[in-house]
Amino acid sequence: MYDIHARPVRDLRNNYSELARMVKEHQHIIVTNNGKSETVLMSIDDYNLCRDFLHTQYVLKELKLAEAEAERTNERLTHEEVFGKFRRKYGYGV
């Protein structure tokens, strides 16, 4: 599990080297301003893990929605039709 610390925003300026060391050790820092949480500092590796996790959760949610829609309708599209619609809508290939 990660260690989480709360630090005031002034520590970004006054104690950055300490904060940088902490995040390299996989400690997350909640930056506060006037006692309110504003930002989280974390290592780029931890950020990438969070981003990948959130993307996976998004894809799984969209797949569940697609499966539910497929069960509600008899319409079936070919692979080419599906990706053709995608290309027309978003303007790039898959």
C-alpha atoms as a PDB file:
ATOM      1  CA  MET A   1       0.000   0.000   0.000  1.00  0.00           C
ATOM      2  CA  TYR A   2       1.069   3.553  -0.605  1.00  0.00           C
ATOM      3  CA  ASP A   3       1.949   6.008   2.111  1.00  0.00           C
ATOM      4  CA  ILE A   4      -0.093   9.181   1.756  1.00  0.00           C
ATOM      5  CA  HIS A   5       0.971  12.488   3.278  1.00  0.00           C
ATOM      6  CA  ALA A   6      -0.683  15.909   3.346  1.00  0.00           C
ATOM      7  CA  ARG A   7       1.600  18.890   2.832  1.00  0.00           C
ATOM      8  CA  PRO A   8       0.879  22.604   2.365  1.00  0.00           C
ATOM      9  CA  VAL A   9       1.385  24.123  -1.072  1.00  0.00           C
ATOM     10  CA  ARG A  10       4.297  26.228   0.216  1.00  0.00           C
ATOM     11  CA  ASP A  11       6.300  22.996   0.581  1.00  0.00           C
ATOM     12  CA  LEU A  12       6.393  22.734  -3.217  1.00  0.00           C
ATOM     13  CA  ARG A  13       8.628  25.783  -3.245  1.00  0.00           C
ATOM     14  CA  ASN A  14      10.401  25.411   0.079  1.00  0.00           C
ATOM     15  CA  ASN A  15      10.943  21.631   0.283  1.00  0.00           C
ATOM     16  CA  TYR A  16      10.642  20.333  -3.269  1.00  0.00           C
ATOM     17  CA  SER A  17      13.681  18.044  -3.056  1.00  0.00           C
ATOM     18  CA  GLU A  18      12.169  16.297  -0.023  1.00  0.00           C
ATOM     19  CA  LEU A  19       8.817  15.904  -1.772  1.00  0.00           C
ATOM     20  CA  ALA A  20      10.517  14.576  -4.921  1.00  0.00           C
ATOM     21  CA  ARG A  21      12.361  11.982  -2.838  1.00  0.00           C
ATOM     22  CA  MET A  22       9.112  10.932  -1.196  1.00  0.00           C
ATOM     23  CA  VAL A  23       7.267  10.380  -4.473  1.00  0.00           C
ATOM     24  CA  LYS A  24      10.208   8.404  -5.866  1.00  0.00           C
ATOM     25  CA  GLU A  25       9.690   6.088  -2.881  1.00  0.00           C
ATOM     26  CA  HIS A  26       6.040   5.615  -3.971  1.00  0.00           C
ATOM     27  CA  GLN A  27       4.649   7.936  -1.347  1.00  0.00           C
ATOM     28  CA  HIS A  28       1.764  10.086  -2.517  1.00  0.00           C
ATOM     29  CA  ILE A  29       1.436  13.634  -1.308  1.00  0.00           C
ATOM     30  CA  ILE A  30      -1.834  15.519  -1.060  1.00  0.00           C
ATOM     31  CA  VAL A  31      -1.038  19.184  -1.542  1.00  0.00           C
ATOM     32  CA  THR A  32      -3.265  21.479   0.474  1.00  0.00           C
ATOM     33  CA  ASN A  33      -4.000  25.169   0.142  1.00  0.00           C
ATOM     34  CA  ASN A  34      -5.616  26.931   3.096  1.00  0.00           C
ATOM     35  CA  GLY A  35      -6.338  23.514   4.595  1.00  0.00           C
ATOM     36  CA  LYS A  36      -8.175  22.210   1.507  1.00  0.00           C
ATOM     37  CA  SER A  37      -6.902  19.340  -0.631  1.00  0.00           C
ATOM     38  CA  GLU A  38      -6.063  20.545  -4.144  1.00  0.00           C
ATOM     39  CA  THR A  39      -3.561  18.278  -5.853  1.00  0.00           C
ATOM     40  CA  VAL A  40      -1.833  14.928  -5.554  1.00  0.00           C
ATOM     41  CA  LEU A  41       1.850  14.393  -6.234  1.00  0.00           C
ATOM     42  CA  MET A  42       2.922  10.915  -7.303  1.00  0.00           C
ATOM     43  CA  SER A  43       5.713   9.371  -9.292  1.00  0.00           C
ATOM     44  CA  ILE A  44       5.290   9.082 -13.041  1.00  0.00           C
ATOM     45  CA  ASP A  45       5.313   5.276 -12.696  1.00  0.00           C
ATOM     46  CA  ASP A  46       2.444   5.405 -10.201  1.00  0.00           C
ATOM     47  CA  TYR A  47       0.604   7.876 -12.430  1.00  0.00           C
ATOM     48  CA  ASN A  48       0.959   5.538 -15.413  1.00  0.00           C
ATOM     49  CA  LEU A  49      -0.401   2.630 -13.361  1.00  0.00           C
ATOM     50  CA  CYS A  50      -3.425   4.714 -12.320  1.00  0.00           C
ATOM     51  CA  ARG A  51      -4.011   5.912 -15.867  1.00  0.00           C
ATOM     52  CA  ASP A  52      -3.818   2.355 -17.239  1.00  0.00           C
ATOM     53  CA  PHE A  53      -6.186   1.097 -14.535  1.00  0.00           C
ATOM     54  CA  LEU A  54      -8.731   3.838 -15.270  1.00  0.00           C
ATOM     55  CA  HIS A  55      -8.505   3.155 -19.003  1.00  0.00           C
ATOM     56  CA  THR A  56      -9.105  -0.560 -18.408  1.00  0.00           C
ATOM     57  CA  GLN A  57     -12.129   0.228 -16.243  1.00  0.00           C
ATOM     58  CA  TYR A  58     -13.498   2.523 -18.952  1.00  0.00           C
ATOM     59  CA  VAL A  59     -13.064  -0.136 -21.650  1.00  0.00           C
ATOM     60  CA  LEU A  60     -14.747  -2.792 -19.486  1.00  0.00           C
ATOM     61  CA  LYS A  61     -17.690  -0.467 -18.806  1.00  0.00           C
ATOM     62  CA  GLU A  62     -18.096   0.289 -22.516  1.00  0.00           C
ATOM     63  CA  LEU A  63     -17.920  -3.413 -23.403  1.00  0.00           C
ATOM     64  CA  LYS A  64     -20.669  -4.182 -20.880  1.00  0.00           C
ATOM     65  CA  LEU A  65     -22.825  -1.441 -22.407  1.00  0.00           C
ATOM     66  CA  ALA A  66     -22.182  -2.825 -25.891  1.00  0.00           C
ATOM     67  CA  GLU A  67     -23.075  -6.355 -24.770  1.00  0.00           C
ATOM     68  CA  ALA A  68     -26.308  -5.105 -23.194  1.00  0.00           C
ATOM     69  CA  GLU A  69     -27.208  -3.227 -26.378  1.00  0.00           C
ATOM     70  CA  ALA A  70     -26.457  -6.310 -28.489  1.00  0.00           C
ATOM     71  CA  GLU A  71     -28.860  -8.327 -26.347  1.00  0.00           C
ATOM     72  CA  ARG A  72     -31.631  -5.724 -26.836  1.00  0.00           C
ATOM     73  CA  THR A  73     -31.447  -5.634 -30.640  1.00  0.00           C
ATOM     74  CA  ASN A  74     -31.309  -8.019 -33.546  1.00  0.00           C
ATOM     75  CA  GLU A  75     -29.142  -5.683 -35.619  1.00  0.00           C
ATOM     76  CA  ARG A  76     -25.787  -7.223 -36.442  1.00  0.00           C
ATOM     77  CA  LEU A  77     -22.949  -5.434 -38.201  1.00  0.00           C
ATOM     78  CA  THR A  78     -19.890  -6.833 -39.900  1.00  0.00           C
ATOM     79  CA  HIS A  79     -16.412  -5.949 -38.700  1.00  0.00           C
ATOM     80  CA  GLU A  80     -16.025  -3.632 -41.700  1.00  0.00           C
ATOM     81  CA  GLU A  81     -19.293  -1.833 -40.929  1.00  0.00           C
ATOM     82  CA  VAL A  82     -18.382  -1.287 -37.283  1.00  0.00           C
ATOM     83  CA  PHE A  83     -14.919   0.083 -38.000  1.00  0.00           C
ATOM     84  CA  GLY A  84     -16.196   2.046 -40.997  1.00  0.00           C
ATOM     85  CA  LYS A  85     -18.619   3.865 -38.682  1.00  0.00           C
ATOM     86  CA  PHE A  86     -15.788   4.447 -36.222  1.00  0.00           C
ATOM     87  CA  ARG A  87     -13.512   5.882 -38.935  1.00  0.00           C
ATOM     88  CA  ARG A  88     -16.253   8.205 -40.221  1.00  0.00           C
ATOM     89  CA  LYS A  89     -17.115   9.400 -36.733  1.00  0.00           C
ATOM     90  CA  TYR A  90     -13.568   9.920 -35.405  1.00  0.00           C
ATOM     91  CA  GLY A  91     -11.630  10.465 -38.606  1.00  0.00           C
ATOM     92  CA  TYR A  92      -8.887   7.904 -38.212  1.00  0.00           C
ATOM     93  CA  GLY A  93      -8.334   4.216 -38.698  1.00  0.00           C
ATOM     94  CA  VAL A  94      -8.263   1.367 -36.301  1.00  0.00           C
END
